[in-house]
Amino acid sequence: MPIGSPPADRSDDSDVARFRALGSFVGALFAVALLAVPMAVIPGEDVTVVSLWGFLNVTGPSDGTGVVGGVGGYPVWRYFFDQPRAFSTLPPSIRAWPLAIGFHLLAAGSALSGIACGREDRRVTGGLLVLAAGASLWVSVGLALRFGVGTT
């Protein structure tokens, strides 16, 4: 910009800032939405949906009318507290479950802090999501093998 010329129009800068803010919001919304994605669906007479938060069991029609018999939940923290065995004796894929939850929560927190503070290192958020995906995949494969989908 030559000396003495009028200042540049600042509307372009505000549009870029709004676009970046919208991108950060969409990214944070995506990271939070990943917390609701099921890791596995176990079919049978009763369908069980396995998510990071636990089990959601939908029972089939009880009287042949087509009406769903019931819906019940079993949170993962209750699963670990009700477990009669020590945590170290559980299968490795089940022990990875708290890691998957932790990595997902840290990634969502990183994305949300990017909105709140105005800056975020997307490499950190992305790396945490990769670690969360790996731990979730480990849990999913372990559950699939345990319920007879494959062999070890």
C-alpha atoms as a PDB file:
ATOM      1  CA  MET A   1       0.000   0.000   0.000  1.00  0.00           C
ATOM      2  CA  PRO A   2       1.554   3.320  -1.043  1.00  0.00           C
ATOM      3  CA  ILE A   3       2.217   5.975   1.563  1.00  0.00           C
ATOM      4  CA  GLY A   4      -0.650   8.413   2.003  1.00  0.00           C
ATOM      5  CA  SER A   5      -3.301   6.166   0.423  1.00  0.00           C
ATOM      6  CA  PRO A   6      -6.578   5.568   2.270  1.00  0.00           C
ATOM      7  CA  PRO A   7      -6.798   2.499   4.542  1.00  0.00           C
ATOM      8  CA  ALA A   8      -7.986  -0.718   2.918  1.00  0.00           C
ATOM      9  CA  ASP A   9     -11.546  -1.837   3.318  1.00  0.00           C
ATOM     10  CA  ARG A  10     -11.782  -3.913   6.522  1.00  0.00           C
ATOM     11  CA  SER A  11     -14.969  -5.765   5.483  1.00  0.00           C
ATOM     12  CA  ASP A  12     -12.856  -8.485   3.840  1.00  0.00           C
ATOM     13  CA  ASP A  13     -11.069  -9.127   7.152  1.00  0.00           C
ATOM     14  CA  SER A  14     -14.367  -9.428   9.038  1.00  0.00           C
ATOM     15  CA  ASP A  15     -15.717 -11.880   6.437  1.00  0.00           C
ATOM     16  CA  VAL A  16     -12.618 -14.036   6.823  1.00  0.00           C
ATOM     17  CA  ALA A  17     -12.948 -13.940  10.621  1.00  0.00           C
ATOM     18  CA  ARG A  18     -16.618 -14.965  10.408  1.00  0.00           C
ATOM     19  CA  PHE A  19     -15.750 -17.808   8.026  1.00  0.00           C
ATOM     20  CA  ARG A  20     -13.017 -19.047  10.387  1.00  0.00           C
ATOM     21  CA  ALA A  21     -15.389 -18.841  13.362  1.00  0.00           C
ATOM     22  CA  LEU A  22     -18.013 -20.814  11.444  1.00  0.00           C
ATOM     23  CA  GLY A  23     -15.392 -23.399  10.490  1.00  0.00           C
ATOM     24  CA  SER A  24     -14.307 -23.739  14.114  1.00  0.00           C
ATOM     25  CA  PHE A  25     -17.920 -24.145  15.204  1.00  0.00           C
ATOM     26  CA  VAL A  26     -18.599 -26.836  12.576  1.00  0.00           C
ATOM     27  CA  GLY A  27     -15.399 -28.649  13.554  1.00  0.00           C
ATOM     28  CA  ALA A  28     -16.343 -28.580  17.233  1.00  0.00           C
ATOM     29  CA  LEU A  29     -19.857 -29.756  16.411  1.00  0.00           C
ATOM     30  CA  PHE A  30     -18.366 -32.640  14.421  1.00  0.00           C
ATOM     31  CA  ALA A  31     -16.027 -33.615  17.274  1.00  0.00           C
ATOM     32  CA  VAL A  32     -18.908 -33.578  19.760  1.00  0.00           C
ATOM     33  CA  ALA A  33     -21.193 -35.502  17.350  1.00  0.00           C
ATOM     34  CA  LEU A  34     -18.606 -38.296  17.172  1.00  0.00           C
ATOM     35  CA  LEU A  35     -19.355 -38.994  20.831  1.00  0.00           C
ATOM     36  CA  ALA A  36     -22.802 -40.283  19.804  1.00  0.00           C
ATOM     37  CA  VAL A  37     -21.688 -42.629  17.008  1.00  0.00           C
ATOM     38  CA  PRO A  38     -22.199 -46.297  17.931  1.00  0.00           C
ATOM     39  CA  MET A  39     -19.120 -48.535  17.964  1.00  0.00           C
ATOM     40  CA  ALA A  40     -21.055 -51.729  17.285  1.00  0.00           C
ATOM     41  CA  VAL A  41     -24.562 -53.071  16.782  1.00  0.00           C
ATOM     42  CA  ILE A  42     -25.147 -56.589  18.046  1.00  0.00           C
ATOM     43  CA  PRO A  43     -28.123 -58.133  16.241  1.00  0.00           C
ATOM     44  CA  GLY A  44     -30.331 -60.865  17.576  1.00  0.00           C
ATOM     45  CA  GLU A  45     -33.788 -61.198  19.051  1.00  0.00           C
ATOM     46  CA  ASP A  46     -32.923 -58.063  20.996  1.00  0.00           C
ATOM     47  CA  VAL A  47     -30.731 -55.460  19.269  1.00  0.00           C
ATOM     48  CA  THR A  48     -27.910 -54.010  21.362  1.00  0.00           C
ATOM     49  CA  VAL A  49     -26.217 -50.794  20.312  1.00  0.00           C
ATOM     50  CA  VAL A  50     -22.746 -50.341  21.833  1.00  0.00           C
ATOM     51  CA  SER A  51     -21.522 -46.761  22.109  1.00  0.00           C
ATOM     52  CA  LEU A  52     -18.791 -45.034  24.048  1.00  0.00           C
ATOM     53  CA  TRP A  53     -21.267 -44.406  26.844  1.00  0.00           C
ATOM     54  CA  GLY A  54     -22.495 -47.987  27.219  1.00  0.00           C
ATOM     55  CA  PHE A  55     -25.112 -50.358  25.920  1.00  0.00           C
ATOM     56  CA  LEU A  56     -28.588 -49.534  24.612  1.00  0.00           C
ATOM     57  CA  ASN A  57     -30.790 -52.622  24.379  1.00  0.00           C
ATOM     58  CA  VAL A  58     -33.982 -52.583  22.307  1.00  0.00           C
ATOM     59  CA  THR A  59     -36.165 -55.629  22.915  1.00  0.00           C
ATOM     60  CA  GLY A  60     -38.312 -57.017  20.152  1.00  0.00           C
ATOM     61  CA  PRO A  61     -42.090 -57.141  20.001  1.00  0.00           C
ATOM     62  CA  SER A  62     -43.398 -59.012  23.011  1.00  0.00           C
ATOM     63  CA  ASP A  63     -46.919 -59.869  21.849  1.00  0.00           C
ATOM     64  CA  GLY A  64     -46.656 -60.055  18.062  1.00  0.00           C
ATOM     65  CA  THR A  65     -48.329 -56.667  17.502  1.00  0.00           C
ATOM     66  CA  GLY A  66     -45.160 -55.021  16.226  1.00  0.00           C
ATOM     67  CA  VAL A  67     -44.870 -52.729  19.242  1.00  0.00           C
ATOM     68  CA  VAL A  68     -41.358 -52.493  20.615  1.00  0.00           C
ATOM     69  CA  GLY A  69     -41.116 -54.338  23.915  1.00  0.00           C
ATOM     70  CA  GLY A  70     -38.784 -51.886  25.653  1.00  0.00           C
ATOM     71  CA  VAL A  71     -35.607 -49.896  25.642  1.00  0.00           C
ATOM     72  CA  GLY A  72     -32.976 -50.164  28.339  1.00  0.00           C
ATOM     73  CA  GLY A  73     -29.552 -48.694  28.921  1.00  0.00           C
ATOM     74  CA  TYR A  74     -26.482 -49.835  30.775  1.00  0.00           C
ATOM     75  CA  PRO A  75     -23.767 -47.152  31.138  1.00  0.00           C
ATOM     76  CA  VAL A  76     -20.147 -48.161  30.679  1.00  0.00           C
ATOM     77  CA  TRP A  77     -19.061 -46.791  34.081  1.00  0.00           C
ATOM     78  CA  ARG A  78     -21.631 -49.044  35.755  1.00  0.00           C
ATOM     79  CA  TYR A  79     -20.272 -51.953  33.724  1.00  0.00           C
ATOM     80  CA  PHE A  80     -16.787 -51.334  35.120  1.00  0.00           C
ATOM     81  CA  PHE A  81     -18.035 -50.821  38.704  1.00  0.00           C
ATOM     82  CA  ASP A  82     -20.264 -53.944  38.613  1.00  0.00           C
ATOM     83  CA  GLN A  83     -17.423 -56.059  37.209  1.00  0.00           C
ATOM     84  CA  PRO A  84     -16.395 -58.754  39.740  1.00  0.00           C
ATOM     85  CA  ARG A  85     -12.947 -59.072  38.144  1.00  0.00           C
ATOM     86  CA  ALA A  86     -10.102 -56.633  38.508  1.00  0.00           C
ATOM     87  CA  PHE A  87      -9.639 -54.141  35.661  1.00  0.00           C
ATOM     88  CA  SER A  88      -6.257 -55.657  34.785  1.00  0.00           C
ATOM     89  CA  THR A  89      -7.839 -59.082  34.170  1.00  0.00           C
ATOM     90  CA  LEU A  90     -10.358 -57.792  31.604  1.00  0.00           C
ATOM     91  CA  PRO A  91      -9.663 -58.357  27.892  1.00  0.00           C
ATOM     92  CA  PRO A  92      -7.419 -55.686  26.335  1.00  0.00           C
ATOM     93  CA  SER A  93     -10.184 -54.442  24.048  1.00  0.00           C
ATOM     94  CA  ILE A  94     -12.428 -53.744  27.056  1.00  0.00           C
ATOM     95  CA  ARG A  95      -9.572 -52.014  28.903  1.00  0.00           C
ATOM     96  CA  ALA A  96      -9.197 -49.707  25.868  1.00  0.00           C
ATOM     97  CA  TRP A  97     -12.774 -48.469  26.310  1.00  0.00           C
ATOM     98  CA  PRO A  98     -11.934 -45.755  28.892  1.00  0.00           C
ATOM     99  CA  LEU A  99      -9.086 -44.597  26.635  1.00  0.00           C
ATOM    100  CA  ALA A 100     -11.503 -44.199  23.736  1.00  0.00           C
ATOM    101  CA  ILE A 101     -13.844 -42.135  25.902  1.00  0.00           C
ATOM    102  CA  GLY A 102     -10.971 -40.021  27.223  1.00  0.00           C
ATOM    103  CA  PHE A 103      -9.498 -39.290  23.786  1.00  0.00           C
ATOM    104  CA  HIS A 104     -12.939 -38.353  22.415  1.00  0.00           C
ATOM    105  CA  LEU A 105     -13.627 -36.030  25.355  1.00  0.00           C
ATOM    106  CA  LEU A 106     -10.201 -34.391  25.039  1.00  0.00           C
ATOM    107  CA  ALA A 107     -10.724 -33.851  21.287  1.00  0.00           C
ATOM    108  CA  ALA A 108     -14.165 -32.340  21.885  1.00  0.00           C
ATOM    109  CA  GLY A 109     -12.707 -30.147  24.635  1.00  0.00           C
ATOM    110  CA  SER A 110      -9.877 -29.029  22.357  1.00  0.00           C
ATOM    111  CA  ALA A 111     -12.325 -28.080  19.612  1.00  0.00           C
ATOM    112  CA  LEU A 112     -14.653 -26.277  22.029  1.00  0.00           C
ATOM    113  CA  SER A 113     -11.746 -24.416  23.629  1.00  0.00           C
ATOM    114  CA  GLY A 114     -10.822 -23.257  20.132  1.00  0.00           C
ATOM    115  CA  ILE A 115     -14.209 -21.573  19.921  1.00  0.00           C
ATOM    116  CA  ALA A 116     -14.066 -20.166  23.442  1.00  0.00           C
ATOM    117  CA  CYS A 117     -10.488 -18.861  23.256  1.00  0.00           C
ATOM    118  CA  GLY A 118     -10.423 -17.993  19.574  1.00  0.00           C
ATOM    119  CA  ARG A 119      -7.481 -20.200  18.702  1.00  0.00           C
ATOM    120  CA  GLU A 120      -6.933 -23.901  18.410  1.00  0.00           C
ATOM    121  CA  ASP A 121      -4.171 -26.178  17.237  1.00  0.00           C
ATOM    122  CA  ARG A 122      -6.081 -28.416  14.847  1.00  0.00           C
ATOM    123  CA  ARG A 123      -3.193 -30.868  14.816  1.00  0.00           C
ATOM    124  CA  VAL A 124      -3.835 -31.586  18.500  1.00  0.00           C
ATOM    125  CA  THR A 125      -7.578 -32.036  17.945  1.00  0.00           C
ATOM    126  CA  GLY A 126      -6.961 -34.187  14.866  1.00  0.00           C
ATOM    127  CA  GLY A 127      -4.357 -36.308  16.647  1.00  0.00           C
ATOM    128  CA  LEU A 128      -6.717 -36.898  19.566  1.00  0.00           C
ATOM    129  CA  LEU A 129      -9.464 -37.928  17.128  1.00  0.00           C
ATOM    130  CA  VAL A 130      -7.084 -40.395  15.452  1.00  0.00           C
ATOM    131  CA  LEU A 131      -6.193 -41.884  18.846  1.00  0.00           C
ATOM    132  CA  ALA A 132      -9.903 -42.016  19.761  1.00  0.00           C
ATOM    133  CA  ALA A 133     -10.710 -43.762  16.484  1.00  0.00           C
ATOM    134  CA  GLY A 134      -7.955 -46.328  17.047  1.00  0.00           C
ATOM    135  CA  ALA A 135      -9.121 -47.094  20.590  1.00  0.00           C
ATOM    136  CA  SER A 136     -12.767 -47.275  19.445  1.00  0.00           C
ATOM    137  CA  LEU A 137     -11.822 -49.628  16.623  1.00  0.00           C
ATOM    138  CA  TRP A 138      -9.962 -51.839  19.087  1.00  0.00           C
ATOM    139  CA  VAL A 139     -13.065 -52.023  21.298  1.00  0.00           C
ATOM    140  CA  SER A 140     -15.331 -52.689  18.292  1.00  0.00           C
ATOM    141  CA  VAL A 141     -13.170 -55.495  16.924  1.00  0.00           C
ATOM    142  CA  GLY A 142     -12.856 -57.058  20.390  1.00  0.00           C
ATOM    143  CA  LEU A 143     -16.636 -56.996  20.819  1.00  0.00           C
ATOM    144  CA  ALA A 144     -17.192 -58.403  17.334  1.00  0.00           C
ATOM    145  CA  LEU A 145     -14.813 -61.290  18.009  1.00  0.00           C
ATOM    146  CA  ARG A 146     -16.434 -61.941  21.391  1.00  0.00           C
ATOM    147  CA  PHE A 147     -19.916 -62.082  19.842  1.00  0.00           C
ATOM    148  CA  GLY A 148     -18.917 -64.481  17.059  1.00  0.00           C
ATOM    149  CA  VAL A 149     -18.485 -62.170  14.067  1.00  0.00           C
ATOM    150  CA  GLY A 150     -14.944 -63.446  13.408  1.00  0.00           C
ATOM    151  CA  THR A 151     -12.172 -65.553  14.832  1.00  0.00           C
ATOM    152  CA  THR A 152      -8.987 -64.578  16.585  1.00  0.00           C
END
